[in-house]
PDB file of N, CA and C in Angstrom:
ATOM      1  N   UNK A   1      98.683 105.497 126.062  1.00  0.00           N
ATOM      2  CA  UNK A   1      97.821 104.340 125.936  1.00  0.00           C
ATOM      3  C   UNK A   1      98.379 103.448 124.838  1.00  0.00           C
ATOM      4  N   UNK A   2      98.535 102.209 125.138  1.00  0.00           N
ATOM      5  CA  UNK A   2      99.082 101.268 124.181  1.00  0.00           C
ATOM      6  C   UNK A   2      97.963 100.402 123.611  1.00  0.00           C
ATOM      7  N   UNK A   3      97.901 100.354 122.315  1.00  0.00           N
ATOM      8  CA  UNK A   3      96.903  99.517 121.652  1.00  0.00           C
ATOM      9  C   UNK A   3      97.598  98.358 120.978  1.00  0.00           C
ATOM     10  N   UNK A   4      97.030  97.190 121.117  1.00  0.00           N
ATOM     11  CA  UNK A   4      97.586  96.044 120.404  1.00  0.00           C
ATOM     12  C   UNK A   4      97.124  96.108 118.960  1.00  0.00           C
ATOM     13  N   UNK A   5      97.783  95.357 118.110  1.00  0.00           N
ATOM     14  CA  UNK A   5      97.383  95.297 116.711  1.00  0.00           C
ATOM     15  C   UNK A   5      95.961  94.770 116.581  1.00  0.00           C
ATOM     16  N   UNK A   6      95.567  93.875 117.480  1.00  0.00           N
ATOM     17  CA  UNK A   6      94.224  93.314 117.425  1.00  0.00           C
ATOM     18  C   UNK A   6      93.172  94.397 117.669  1.00  0.00           C
ATOM     19  N   UNK A   7      93.508  95.392 118.507  1.00  0.00           N
ATOM     20  CA  UNK A   7      92.578  96.478 118.787  1.00  0.00           C
ATOM     21  C   UNK A   7      92.355  97.366 117.568  1.00  0.00           C
ATOM     22  N   UNK A   8      93.363  97.501 116.732  1.00  0.00           N
ATOM     23  CA  UNK A   8      93.258  98.409 115.595  1.00  0.00           C
ATOM     24  C   UNK A   8      92.977  97.701 114.282  1.00  0.00           C
ATOM     25  N   UNK A   9      93.105  96.386 114.229  1.00  0.00           N
ATOM     26  CA  UNK A   9      92.901  95.678 112.971  1.00  0.00           C
ATOM     27  C   UNK A   9      91.547  95.936 112.322  1.00  0.00           C
ATOM     28  N   UNK A  10      90.421  95.830 113.034  1.00  0.00           N
ATOM     29  CA  UNK A  10      89.139  96.109 112.362  1.00  0.00           C
ATOM     30  C   UNK A  10      89.065  97.549 111.851  1.00  0.00           C
ATOM     31  N   UNK A  11      89.605  98.481 112.615  1.00  0.00           N
ATOM     32  CA  UNK A  11      89.590  99.876 112.189  1.00  0.00           C
ATOM     33  C   UNK A  11      90.469 100.072 110.958  1.00  0.00           C
ATOM     34  N   UNK A  12      91.692  99.538 110.987  1.00  0.00           N
ATOM     35  CA  UNK A  12      92.574  99.717 109.825  1.00  0.00           C
ATOM     36  C   UNK A  12      92.020  99.004 108.600  1.00  0.00           C
ATOM     37  N   UNK A  13      91.374  97.866 108.792  1.00  0.00           N
ATOM     38  CA  UNK A  13      90.751  97.175 107.652  1.00  0.00           C
ATOM     39  C   UNK A  13      89.672  98.037 107.017  1.00  0.00           C
ATOM     40  N   UNK A  14      88.888  98.721 107.834  1.00  0.00           N
ATOM     41  CA  UNK A  14      87.839  99.598 107.304  1.00  0.00           C
ATOM     42  C   UNK A  14      88.458 100.792 106.576  1.00  0.00           C
ATOM     43  N   UNK A  15      89.507 101.368 107.163  1.00  0.00           N
ATOM     44  CA  UNK A  15      90.185 102.506 106.534  1.00  0.00           C
ATOM     45  C   UNK A  15      90.789 102.086 105.193  1.00  0.00           C
ATOM     46  N   UNK A  16      91.453 100.947 105.173  1.00  0.00           N
ATOM     47  CA  UNK A  16      92.053 100.439 103.936  1.00  0.00           C
ATOM     48  C   UNK A  16      90.970 100.185 102.890  1.00  0.00           C
ATOM     49  N   UNK A  17      89.868  99.598 103.305  1.00  0.00           N
ATOM     50  CA  UNK A  17      88.752  99.368 102.383  1.00  0.00           C
ATOM     51  C   UNK A  17      88.233 100.668 101.791  1.00  0.00           C
ATOM     52  N   UNK A  18      88.132 101.700 102.621  1.00  0.00           N
ATOM     53  CA  UNK A  18      87.674 103.006 102.141  1.00  0.00           C
ATOM     54  C   UNK A  18      88.668 103.586 101.132  1.00  0.00           C
ATOM     55  N   UNK A  19      89.962 103.460 101.417  1.00  0.00           N
ATOM     56  CA  UNK A  19      90.987 103.971 100.506  1.00  0.00           C
ATOM     57  C   UNK A  19      90.966 103.210  99.176  1.00  0.00           C
ATOM     58  N   UNK A  20      90.798 101.908  99.248  1.00  0.00           N
ATOM     59  CA  UNK A  20      90.711 101.116  98.015  1.00  0.00           C
ATOM     60  C   UNK A  20      89.501 101.539  97.187  1.00  0.00           C
ATOM     61  N   UNK A  21      88.395 101.815  97.856  1.00  0.00           N
ATOM     62  CA  UNK A  21      87.187 102.274  97.148  1.00  0.00           C
ATOM     63  C   UNK A  21      87.448 103.594  96.429  1.00  0.00           C
ATOM     64  N   UNK A  22      88.137 104.507  97.092  1.00  0.00           N
ATOM     65  CA  UNK A  22      88.489 105.786  96.454  1.00  0.00           C
ATOM     66  C   UNK A  22      89.363 105.529  95.230  1.00  0.00           C
ATOM     67  N   UNK A  23      90.393 104.708  95.392  1.00  0.00           N
ATOM     68  CA  UNK A  23      91.308 104.434  94.279  1.00  0.00           C
ATOM     69  C   UNK A  23      90.590 103.717  93.145  1.00  0.00           C
ATOM     70  N   UNK A  24      89.715 102.798  93.485  1.00  0.00           N
ATOM     71  CA  UNK A  24      88.953 102.059  92.464  1.00  0.00           C
ATOM     72  C   UNK A  24      88.097 103.014  91.629  1.00  0.00           C
ATOM     73  N   UNK A  25      87.540 104.030  92.267  1.00  0.00           N
ATOM     74  CA  UNK A  25      86.668 104.964  91.561  1.00  0.00           C
ATOM     75  C   UNK A  25      87.419 106.054  90.813  1.00  0.00           C
ATOM     76  N   UNK A  26      88.558 106.496  91.342  1.00  0.00           N
ATOM     77  CA  UNK A  26      89.265 107.612  90.722  1.00  0.00           C
ATOM     78  C   UNK A  26      90.502 107.223  89.936  1.00  0.00           C
ATOM     79  N   UNK A  27      91.174 106.151  90.374  1.00  0.00           N
ATOM     80  CA  UNK A  27      92.436 105.781  89.742  1.00  0.00           C
ATOM     81  C   UNK A  27      93.537 106.765  90.111  1.00  0.00           C
ATOM     82  N   UNK A  28      94.745 106.550  89.590  1.00  0.00           N
ATOM     83  CA  UNK A  28      95.873 107.434  89.887  1.00  0.00           C
ATOM     84  C   UNK A  28      95.828 108.711  89.049  1.00  0.00           C
ATOM     85  N   UNK A  29      96.649 109.702  89.451  1.00  0.00           N
ATOM     86  CA  UNK A  29      96.849 110.873  88.602  1.00  0.00           C
ATOM     87  C   UNK A  29      96.257 112.171  89.097  1.00  0.00           C
ATOM     88  N   UNK A  30      95.557 112.171  90.226  1.00  0.00           N
ATOM     89  CA  UNK A  30      94.962 113.398  90.744  1.00  0.00           C
ATOM     90  C   UNK A  30      95.800 113.973  91.889  1.00  0.00           C
ATOM     91  N   UNK A  31      95.405 115.109  92.392  1.00  0.00           N
ATOM     92  CA  UNK A  31      96.099 115.744  93.505  1.00  0.00           C
ATOM     93  C   UNK A  31      95.778 115.042  94.820  1.00  0.00           C
ATOM     94  N   UNK A  32      96.721 115.113  95.761  1.00  0.00           N
ATOM     95  CA  UNK A  32      96.510 114.520  97.089  1.00  0.00           C
ATOM     96  C   UNK A  32      95.233 115.029  97.732  1.00  0.00           C
ATOM     97  N   UNK A  33      94.967 116.316  97.594  1.00  0.00           N
ATOM     98  CA  UNK A  33      93.805 116.913  98.253  1.00  0.00           C
ATOM     99  C   UNK A  33      92.498 116.280  97.778  1.00  0.00           C
ATOM    100  N   UNK A  34      92.427 115.879  96.532  1.00  0.00           N
ATOM    101  CA  UNK A  34      91.216 115.235  96.013  1.00  0.00           C
ATOM    102  C   UNK A  34      91.052 113.858  96.641  1.00  0.00           C
ATOM    103  N   UNK A  35      92.130 113.096  96.709  1.00  0.00           N
ATOM    104  CA  UNK A  35      92.050 111.778  97.342  1.00  0.00           C
ATOM    105  C   UNK A  35      91.687 111.909  98.820  1.00  0.00           C
ATOM    106  N   UNK A  36      92.254 112.903  99.466  1.00  0.00           N
ATOM    107  CA  UNK A  36      91.946 113.119 100.883  1.00  0.00           C
ATOM    108  C   UNK A  36      90.472 113.473 101.071  1.00  0.00           C
ATOM    109  N   UNK A  37      89.948 114.358 100.215  1.00  0.00           N
ATOM    110  CA  UNK A  37      88.515 114.698 100.271  1.00  0.00           C
ATOM    111  C   UNK A  37      87.647 113.460 100.126  1.00  0.00           C
ATOM    112  N   UNK A  38      87.974 112.646  99.144  1.00  0.00           N
ATOM    113  CA  UNK A  38      87.170 111.452  98.878  1.00  0.00           C
ATOM    114  C   UNK A  38      87.310 110.422 100.000  1.00  0.00           C
ATOM    115  N   UNK A  39      88.511 110.270 100.541  1.00  0.00           N
ATOM    116  CA  UNK A  39      88.705 109.345 101.658  1.00  0.00           C
ATOM    117  C   UNK A  39      87.896 109.812 102.868  1.00  0.00           C
ATOM    118  N   UNK A  40      87.880 111.104 103.125  1.00  0.00           N
ATOM    119  CA  UNK A  40      87.057 111.631 104.225  1.00  0.00           C
ATOM    120  C   UNK A  40      85.587 111.328 103.985  1.00  0.00           C
ATOM    121  N   UNK A  41      85.133 111.474 102.768  1.00  0.00           N
ATOM    122  CA  UNK A  41      83.738 111.164 102.430  1.00  0.00           C
ATOM    123  C   UNK A  41      83.438 109.697 102.745  1.00  0.00           C
ATOM    124  N   UNK A  42      84.340 108.811 102.319  1.00  0.00           N
ATOM    125  CA  UNK A  42      84.155 107.373 102.571  1.00  0.00           C
ATOM    126  C   UNK A  42      84.153 107.066 104.069  1.00  0.00           C
ATOM    127  N   UNK A  43      85.054 107.698 104.814  1.00  0.00           N
ATOM    128  CA  UNK A  43      85.113 107.455 106.258  1.00  0.00           C
ATOM    129  C   UNK A  43      83.832 107.914 106.949  1.00  0.00           C
ATOM    130  N   UNK A  44      83.291 109.054 106.515  1.00  0.00           N
ATOM    131  CA  UNK A  44      82.010 109.511 107.076  1.00  0.00           C
ATOM    132  C   UNK A  44      80.906 108.499 106.779  1.00  0.00           C
ATOM    133  N   UNK A  45      80.927 107.942 105.578  1.00  0.00           N
ATOM    134  CA  UNK A  45      79.914 106.945 105.217  1.00  0.00           C
ATOM    135  C   UNK A  45      80.014 105.705 106.114  1.00  0.00           C
ATOM    136  N   UNK A  46      81.216 105.403 106.576  1.00  0.00           N
ATOM    137  CA  UNK A  46      81.447 104.258 107.465  1.00  0.00           C
ATOM    138  C   UNK A  46      81.195 104.607 108.929  1.00  0.00           C
ATOM    139  N   UNK A  47      80.907 105.873 109.222  1.00  0.00           N
ATOM    140  CA  UNK A  47      80.668 106.295 110.596  1.00  0.00           C
ATOM    141  C   UNK A  47      81.921 106.372 111.451  1.00  0.00           C
ATOM    142  N   UNK A  48      83.057 106.593 110.819  1.00  0.00           N
ATOM    143  CA  UNK A  48      84.333 106.646 111.539  1.00  0.00           C
ATOM    144  C   UNK A  48      84.664 108.085 111.909  1.00  0.00           C
ATOM    145  N   UNK A  49      84.987 108.297 113.186  1.00  0.00           N
ATOM    146  CA  UNK A  49      85.356 109.628 113.672  1.00  0.00           C
ATOM    147  C   UNK A  49      86.800 109.933 113.281  1.00  0.00           C
ATOM    148  N   UNK A  50      87.046 111.140 112.785  1.00  0.00           N
ATOM    149  CA  UNK A  50      88.398 111.523 112.404  1.00  0.00           C
ATOM    150  C   UNK A  50      88.556 113.030 112.474  1.00  0.00           C
ATOM    151  N   UNK A  51      89.802 113.457 112.551  1.00  0.00           N
ATOM    152  CA  UNK A  51      90.169 114.865 112.440  1.00  0.00           C
ATOM    153  C   UNK A  51      90.966 115.014 111.155  1.00  0.00           C
ATOM    154  N   UNK A  52      90.636 116.024 110.390  1.00  0.00           N
ATOM    155  CA  UNK A  52      91.343 116.253 109.135  1.00  0.00           C
ATOM    156  C   UNK A  52      92.332 117.399 109.308  1.00  0.00           C
ATOM    157  N   UNK A  53      93.585 117.110 109.044  1.00  0.00           N
ATOM    158  CA  UNK A  53      94.688 118.059 109.140  1.00  0.00           C
ATOM    159  C   UNK A  53      94.615 118.913 110.407  1.00  0.00           C
ATOM    160  N   UNK A  54      94.528 118.251 111.563  1.00  0.00           N
ATOM    161  CA  UNK A  54      94.481 119.034 112.801  1.00  0.00           C
ATOM    162  C   UNK A  54      95.827 119.712 113.066  1.00  0.00           C
ATOM    163  N   UNK A  55      95.779 120.892 113.647  1.00  0.00           N
ATOM    164  CA  UNK A  55      96.996 121.573 114.083  1.00  0.00           C
ATOM    165  C   UNK A  55      97.381 120.970 115.423  1.00  0.00           C
ATOM    166  N   UNK A  56      98.508 120.288 115.469  1.00  0.00           N
ATOM    167  CA  UNK A  56      98.974 119.667 116.705  1.00  0.00           C
ATOM    168  C   UNK A  56     100.264 120.348 117.144  1.00  0.00           C
ATOM    169  N   UNK A  57     100.372 120.687 118.416  1.00  0.00           N
ATOM    170  CA  UNK A  57     101.550 121.416 118.883  1.00  0.00           C
ATOM    171  C   UNK A  57     102.777 120.512 118.986  1.00  0.00           C
ATOM    172  N   UNK A  58     103.931 121.114 118.785  1.00  0.00           N
ATOM    173  CA  UNK A  58     105.188 120.406 118.990  1.00  0.00           C
ATOM    174  C   UNK A  58     105.567 120.575 120.460  1.00  0.00           C
ATOM    175  N   UNK A  59     105.749 119.442 121.137  1.00  0.00           N
ATOM    176  CA  UNK A  59     106.217 119.437 122.511  1.00  0.00           C
ATOM    177  C   UNK A  59     107.677 119.006 122.460  1.00  0.00           C
ATOM    178  N   UNK A  60     108.559 119.905 122.862  1.00  0.00           N
ATOM    179  CA  UNK A  60     109.990 119.624 122.791  1.00  0.00           C
ATOM    180  C   UNK A  60     110.570 119.702 124.197  1.00  0.00           C
ATOM    181  N   UNK A  61     111.104 118.576 124.663  1.00  0.00           N
ATOM    182  CA  UNK A  61     111.699 118.479 125.999  1.00  0.00           C
ATOM    183  C   UNK A  61     110.747 119.022 127.062  1.00  0.00           C
ATOM    184  N   UNK A  62     109.478 118.648 126.912  1.00  0.00           N
ATOM    185  CA  UNK A  62     108.470 119.021 127.892  1.00  0.00           C
ATOM    186  C   UNK A  62     107.882 120.406 127.714  1.00  0.00           C
ATOM    187  N   UNK A  63     108.357 121.157 126.741  1.00  0.00           N
ATOM    188  CA  UNK A  63     107.842 122.504 126.510  1.00  0.00           C
ATOM    189  C   UNK A  63     107.034 122.558 125.225  1.00  0.00           C
ATOM    190  N   UNK A  64     105.897 123.199 125.304  1.00  0.00           N
ATOM    191  CA  UNK A  64     105.058 123.393 124.125  1.00  0.00           C
ATOM    192  C   UNK A  64     105.600 124.589 123.346  1.00  0.00           C
ATOM    193  N   UNK A  65     105.983 124.337 122.099  1.00  0.00           N
ATOM    194  CA  UNK A  65     106.549 125.384 121.254  1.00  0.00           C
ATOM    195  C   UNK A  65     105.456 126.058 120.433  1.00  0.00           C
ATOM    196  N   UNK A  66     105.822 127.127 119.767  1.00  0.00           N
ATOM    197  CA  UNK A  66     104.887 127.825 118.898  1.00  0.00           C
ATOM    198  C   UNK A  66     104.692 127.082 117.574  1.00  0.00           C
ATOM    199  N   UNK A  67     105.478 126.056 117.335  1.00  0.00           N
ATOM    200  CA  UNK A  67     105.408 125.287 116.090  1.00  0.00           C
ATOM    201  C   UNK A  67     104.259 124.288 116.136  1.00  0.00           C
ATOM    202  N   UNK A  68     103.749 123.953 114.962  1.00  0.00           N
ATOM    203  CA  UNK A  68     102.650 122.985 114.821  1.00  0.00           C
ATOM    204  C   UNK A  68     103.001 122.013 113.708  1.00  0.00           C
ATOM    205  N   UNK A  69     102.400 120.846 113.750  1.00  0.00           N
ATOM    206  CA  UNK A  69     102.475 119.913 112.628  1.00  0.00           C
ATOM    207  C   UNK A  69     101.061 119.470 112.307  1.00  0.00           C
ATOM    208  N   UNK A  70     100.866 118.975 111.082  1.00  0.00           N
ATOM    209  CA  UNK A  70      99.517 118.673 110.624  1.00  0.00           C
ATOM    210  C   UNK A  70      99.479 117.337 109.889  1.00  0.00           C
ATOM    211  N   UNK A  71      99.208 116.252 110.604  1.00  0.00           N
ATOM    212  CA  UNK A  71      98.995 114.992 109.885  1.00  0.00           C
ATOM    213  C   UNK A  71      97.734 115.104 109.032  1.00  0.00           C
ATOM    214  N   UNK A  72      97.668 114.338 107.968  1.00  0.00           N
ATOM    215  CA  UNK A  72      96.494 114.415 107.095  1.00  0.00           C
ATOM    216  C   UNK A  72      95.218 114.021 107.845  1.00  0.00           C
ATOM    217  N   UNK A  73      95.224 112.846 108.452  1.00  0.00           N
ATOM    218  CA  UNK A  73      94.043 112.372 109.182  1.00  0.00           C
ATOM    219  C   UNK A  73      94.462 111.701 110.479  1.00  0.00           C
ATOM    220  N   UNK A  74      93.760 112.022 111.545  1.00  0.00           N
ATOM    221  CA  UNK A  74      93.884 111.298 112.808  1.00  0.00           C
ATOM    222  C   UNK A  74      92.531 110.642 113.020  1.00  0.00           C
ATOM    223  N   UNK A  75      92.527 109.327 112.987  1.00  0.00           N
ATOM    224  CA  UNK A  75      91.275 108.580 112.984  1.00  0.00           C
ATOM    225  C   UNK A  75      91.031 107.944 114.341  1.00  0.00           C
ATOM    226  N   UNK A  76      89.947 108.390 114.958  1.00  0.00           N
ATOM    227  CA  UNK A  76      89.484 107.832 116.230  1.00  0.00           C
ATOM    228  C   UNK A  76      90.586 107.809 117.288  1.00  0.00           C
ATOM    229  N   UNK A  77      91.525 108.729 117.199  1.00  0.00           N
ATOM    230  CA  UNK A  77      92.674 108.816 118.116  1.00  0.00           C
ATOM    231  C   UNK A  77      93.480 107.521 118.177  1.00  0.00           C
ATOM    232  N   UNK A  78      93.380 106.691 117.136  1.00  0.00           N
ATOM    233  CA  UNK A  78      94.062 105.397 117.131  1.00  0.00           C
ATOM    234  C   UNK A  78      94.966 105.171 115.926  1.00  0.00           C
ATOM    235  N   UNK A  79      94.699 105.874 114.827  1.00  0.00           N
ATOM    236  CA  UNK A  79      95.441 105.639 113.584  1.00  0.00           C
ATOM    237  C   UNK A  79      95.711 106.994 112.922  1.00  0.00           C
ATOM    238  N   UNK A  80      96.944 107.176 112.450  1.00  0.00           N
ATOM    239  CA  UNK A  80      97.277 108.343 111.635  1.00  0.00           C
ATOM    240  C   UNK A  80      97.370 107.884 110.189  1.00  0.00           C
ATOM    241  N   UNK A  81      96.751 108.654 109.300  1.00  0.00           N
ATOM    242  CA  UNK A  81      96.788 108.349 107.868  1.00  0.00           C
ATOM    243  C   UNK A  81      97.480 109.491 107.147  1.00  0.00           C
ATOM    244  N   UNK A  82      98.443 109.141 106.316  1.00  0.00           N
ATOM    245  CA  UNK A  82      99.085 110.105 105.435  1.00  0.00           C
ATOM    246  C   UNK A  82      98.716 109.750 103.998  1.00  0.00           C
ATOM    247  N   UNK A  83      98.242 110.746 103.279  1.00  0.00           N
ATOM    248  CA  UNK A  83      97.813 110.584 101.893  1.00  0.00           C
ATOM    249  C   UNK A  83      98.885 111.182 100.993  1.00  0.00           C
ATOM    250  N   UNK A  84      99.322 110.406 100.028  1.00  0.00           N
ATOM    251  CA  UNK A  84     100.298 110.867  99.044  1.00  0.00           C
ATOM    252  C   UNK A  84      99.773 110.585  97.646  1.00  0.00           C
ATOM    253  N   UNK A  85     100.258 111.359  96.683  1.00  0.00           N
ATOM    254  CA  UNK A  85     100.005 111.106  95.268  1.00  0.00           C
ATOM    255  C   UNK A  85     101.315 111.424  94.554  1.00  0.00           C
ATOM    256  N   UNK A  86     102.268 110.529  94.745  1.00  0.00           N
ATOM    257  CA  UNK A  86     103.627 110.735  94.249  1.00  0.00           C
ATOM    258  C   UNK A  86     104.024 109.587  93.327  1.00  0.00           C
ATOM    259  N   UNK A  87     105.068 109.830  92.543  1.00  0.00           N
ATOM    260  CA  UNK A  87     105.541 108.784  91.635  1.00  0.00           C
ATOM    261  C   UNK A  87     105.978 107.546  92.406  1.00  0.00           C
ATOM    262  N   UNK A  88     106.666 107.789  93.532  1.00  0.00           N
ATOM    263  CA  UNK A  88     107.171 106.682  94.328  1.00  0.00           C
ATOM    264  C   UNK A  88     107.263 107.107  95.784  1.00  0.00           C
ATOM    265  N   UNK A  89     106.829 106.243  96.681  1.00  0.00           N
ATOM    266  CA  UNK A  89     106.995 106.505  98.106  1.00  0.00           C
ATOM    267  C   UNK A  89     108.469 106.292  98.438  1.00  0.00           C
ATOM    268  N   UNK A  90     109.040 107.277  99.127  1.00  0.00           N
ATOM    269  CA  UNK A  90     110.442 107.182  99.523  1.00  0.00           C
ATOM    270  C   UNK A  90     110.521 107.198 101.051  1.00  0.00           C
ATOM    271  N   UNK A  91     111.696 106.954 101.570  1.00  0.00           N
ATOM    272  CA  UNK A  91     111.869 106.803 103.020  1.00  0.00           C
ATOM    273  C   UNK A  91     111.401 108.006 103.821  1.00  0.00           C
ATOM    274  N   UNK A  92     111.543 109.199 103.273  1.00  0.00           N
ATOM    275  CA  UNK A  92     111.126 110.386 104.019  1.00  0.00           C
ATOM    276  C   UNK A  92     109.615 110.370 104.288  1.00  0.00           C
ATOM    277  N   UNK A  93     108.833 109.767 103.412  1.00  0.00           N
ATOM    278  CA  UNK A  93     107.386 109.676 103.643  1.00  0.00           C
ATOM    279  C   UNK A  93     107.091 108.794 104.856  1.00  0.00           C
ATOM    280  N   UNK A  94     107.767 107.663 104.934  1.00  0.00           N
ATOM    281  CA  UNK A  94     107.607 106.792 106.105  1.00  0.00           C
ATOM    282  C   UNK A  94     108.129 107.473 107.362  1.00  0.00           C
ATOM    283  N   UNK A  95     109.258 108.176 107.238  1.00  0.00           N
ATOM    284  CA  UNK A  95     109.834 108.882 108.389  1.00  0.00           C
ATOM    285  C   UNK A  95     108.875 109.951 108.905  1.00  0.00           C
ATOM    286  N   UNK A  96     108.234 110.651 107.993  1.00  0.00           N
ATOM    287  CA  UNK A  96     107.254 111.672 108.369  1.00  0.00           C
ATOM    288  C   UNK A  96     106.123 111.043 109.177  1.00  0.00           C
ATOM    289  N   UNK A  97     105.570 109.949 108.695  1.00  0.00           N
ATOM    290  CA  UNK A  97     104.480 109.278 109.390  1.00  0.00           C
ATOM    291  C   UNK A  97     104.941 108.756 110.744  1.00  0.00           C
ATOM    292  N   UNK A  98     106.119 108.142 110.797  1.00  0.00           N
ATOM    293  CA  UNK A  98     106.635 107.644 112.075  1.00  0.00           C
ATOM    294  C   UNK A  98     106.839 108.779 113.082  1.00  0.00           C
ATOM    295  N   UNK A  99     107.300 109.913 112.622  1.00  0.00           N
ATOM    296  CA  UNK A  99     107.472 111.057 113.514  1.00  0.00           C
ATOM    297  C   UNK A  99     106.132 111.540 114.043  1.00  0.00           C
ATOM    298  N   UNK A 100     105.136 111.637 113.179  1.00  0.00           N
ATOM    299  CA  UNK A 100     103.793 112.012 113.635  1.00  0.00           C
ATOM    300  C   UNK A 100     103.287 111.023 114.679  1.00  0.00           C
ATOM    301  N   UNK A 101     103.539 109.747 114.441  1.00  0.00           N
ATOM    302  CA  UNK A 101     103.091 108.713 115.380  1.00  0.00           C
ATOM    303  C   UNK A 101     103.777 108.887 116.734  1.00  0.00           C
ATOM    304  N   UNK A 102     105.085 109.127 116.717  1.00  0.00           N
ATOM    305  CA  UNK A 102     105.818 109.319 117.967  1.00  0.00           C
ATOM    306  C   UNK A 102     105.328 110.548 118.717  1.00  0.00           C
ATOM    307  N   UNK A 103     105.118 111.647 117.991  1.00  0.00           N
ATOM    308  CA  UNK A 103     104.702 112.888 118.628  1.00  0.00           C
ATOM    309  C   UNK A 103     103.300 112.782 119.236  1.00  0.00           C
ATOM    310  N   UNK A 104     102.432 112.011 118.615  1.00  0.00           N
ATOM    311  CA  UNK A 104     101.060 111.877 119.117  1.00  0.00           C
ATOM    312  C   UNK A 104     100.880 110.679 120.041  1.00  0.00           C
ATOM    313  N   UNK A 105     101.897 109.803 120.073  1.00  0.00           N
ATOM    314  CA  UNK A 105     101.816 108.536 120.812  1.00  0.00           C
ATOM    315  C   UNK A 105     100.731 107.616 120.254  1.00  0.00           C
ATOM    316  N   UNK A 106     100.402 107.808 118.985  1.00  0.00           N
ATOM    317  CA  UNK A 106      99.504 106.894 118.273  1.00  0.00           C
ATOM    318  C   UNK A 106     100.379 105.829 117.642  1.00  0.00           C
ATOM    319  N   UNK A 107     100.084 104.587 117.911  1.00  0.00           N
ATOM    320  CA  UNK A 107     100.991 103.483 117.585  1.00  0.00           C
ATOM    321  C   UNK A 107     100.813 102.891 116.189  1.00  0.00           C
ATOM    322  N   UNK A 108      99.773 103.295 115.468  1.00  0.00           N
ATOM    323  CA  UNK A 108      99.520 102.710 114.151  1.00  0.00           C
ATOM    324  C   UNK A 108      99.368 103.829 113.124  1.00  0.00           C
ATOM    325  N   UNK A 109     100.000 103.631 111.969  1.00  0.00           N
ATOM    326  CA  UNK A 109      99.895 104.600 110.883  1.00  0.00           C
ATOM    327  C   UNK A 109      99.714 103.906 109.549  1.00  0.00           C
ATOM    328  N   UNK A 110      98.980 104.555 108.671  1.00  0.00           N
ATOM    329  CA  UNK A 110      98.778 104.060 107.311  1.00  0.00           C
ATOM    330  C   UNK A 110      99.243 105.132 106.332  1.00  0.00           C
ATOM    331  N   UNK A 111     100.014 104.707 105.347  1.00  0.00           N
ATOM    332  CA  UNK A 111     100.504 105.594 104.298  1.00  0.00           C
ATOM    333  C   UNK A 111      99.928 105.087 102.984  1.00  0.00           C
ATOM    334  N   UNK A 112      99.154 105.945 102.319  1.00  0.00           N
ATOM    335  CA  UNK A 112      98.547 105.576 101.038  1.00  0.00           C
ATOM    336  C   UNK A 112      99.134 106.440  99.936  1.00  0.00           C
ATOM    337  N   UNK A 113      99.660 105.806  98.888  1.00  0.00           N
ATOM    338  CA  UNK A 113     100.086 106.515  97.686  1.00  0.00           C
ATOM    339  C   UNK A 113      99.059 106.247  96.602  1.00  0.00           C
ATOM    340  N   UNK A 114      98.160 107.201  96.391  1.00  0.00           N
ATOM    341  CA  UNK A 114      97.084 107.033  95.425  1.00  0.00           C
ATOM    342  C   UNK A 114      97.559 107.134  93.983  1.00  0.00           C
ATOM    343  N   UNK A 115      98.822 107.485  93.768  1.00  0.00           N
ATOM    344  CA  UNK A 115      99.339 107.534  92.406  1.00  0.00           C
ATOM    345  C   UNK A 115      99.827 106.165  91.925  1.00  0.00           C
ATOM    346  N   UNK A 116      99.783 105.169  92.787  1.00  0.00           N
ATOM    347  CA  UNK A 116     100.193 103.814  92.396  1.00  0.00           C
ATOM    348  C   UNK A 116      99.122 103.201  91.483  1.00  0.00           C
ATOM    349  N   UNK A 117      99.541 102.366  90.530  1.00  0.00           N
ATOM    350  CA  UNK A 117      98.562 101.720  89.656  1.00  0.00           C
ATOM    351  C   UNK A 117      97.573 100.849  90.441  1.00  0.00           C
ATOM    352  N   UNK A 118      98.065 100.253  91.520  1.00  0.00           N
ATOM    353  CA  UNK A 118      97.242  99.415  92.393  1.00  0.00           C
ATOM    354  C   UNK A 118      97.481  99.905  93.809  1.00  0.00           C
ATOM    355  N   UNK A 119      96.422 100.296  94.523  1.00  0.00           N
ATOM    356  CA  UNK A 119      96.620 100.904  95.836  1.00  0.00           C
ATOM    357  C   UNK A 119      97.300  99.968  96.817  1.00  0.00           C
ATOM    358  N   UNK A 120      97.042  98.685  96.723  1.00  0.00           N
ATOM    359  CA  UNK A 120      97.692  97.743  97.641  1.00  0.00           C
ATOM    360  C   UNK A 120      99.207  97.847  97.513  1.00  0.00           C
ATOM    361  N   UNK A 121      99.704  98.058  96.306  1.00  0.00           N
ATOM    362  CA  UNK A 121     101.137  98.230  96.092  1.00  0.00           C
ATOM    363  C   UNK A 121     101.651  99.580  96.567  1.00  0.00           C
ATOM    364  N   UNK A 122     100.762 100.533  96.791  1.00  0.00           N
ATOM    365  CA  UNK A 122     101.149 101.859  97.227  1.00  0.00           C
ATOM    366  C   UNK A 122     100.780 102.141  98.681  1.00  0.00           C
ATOM    367  N   UNK A 123     100.671 101.082  99.458  1.00  0.00           N
ATOM    368  CA  UNK A 123     100.199 101.231 100.824  1.00  0.00           C
ATOM    369  C   UNK A 123     101.223 100.660 101.799  1.00  0.00           C
ATOM    370  N   UNK A 124     101.378 101.349 102.946  1.00  0.00           N
ATOM    371  CA  UNK A 124     102.239 100.848 104.023  1.00  0.00           C
ATOM    372  C   UNK A 124     101.488 100.981 105.328  1.00  0.00           C
ATOM    373  N   UNK A 125     101.622  99.971 106.184  1.00  0.00           N
ATOM    374  CA  UNK A 125     101.101 100.010 107.553  1.00  0.00           C
ATOM    375  C   UNK A 125     102.301 100.024 108.483  1.00  0.00           C
ATOM    376  N   UNK A 126     102.402 101.056 109.304  1.00  0.00           N
ATOM    377  CA  UNK A 126     103.528 101.194 110.229  1.00  0.00           C
ATOM    378  C   UNK A 126     103.015 101.104 111.659  1.00  0.00           C
ATOM    379  N   UNK A 127     103.854 100.582 112.516  1.00  0.00           N
ATOM    380  CA  UNK A 127     103.474 100.531 113.935  1.00  0.00           C
ATOM    381  C   UNK A 127     104.690 100.798 114.801  1.00  0.00           C
ATOM    382  N   UNK A 128     104.435 101.326 115.982  1.00  0.00           N
ATOM    383  CA  UNK A 128     105.507 101.599 116.945  1.00  0.00           C
ATOM    384  C   UNK A 128     105.561 100.466 117.951  1.00  0.00           C
TER     385      UNK A 128
END
């Protein structure tokens, strides 16, 4: 299923707003798991359906393997969110999110680095 950016814009705006609220209240310097917990709390308050760290199977050349991968959040089957709390986002973080997007066929991903002084500066929106 292909979604246009217009289909996901209101959803991603709400997700980004929730992440900014978490960062505004906590600031940088905590563990990823704490930011993820708080982001989930905010998303529930917004009434947004999501799966947290779901076990998703690896399908390789049409075969389902015994391997699994676990994106941080799959939101409404339309957006994948990866939560980081690192000194600097590097290319492997974007590559990880893009791979999750390809494997799930979800076309939009958000990468949040909550360790950034300003969350807007620590955020990336990726699309396939």
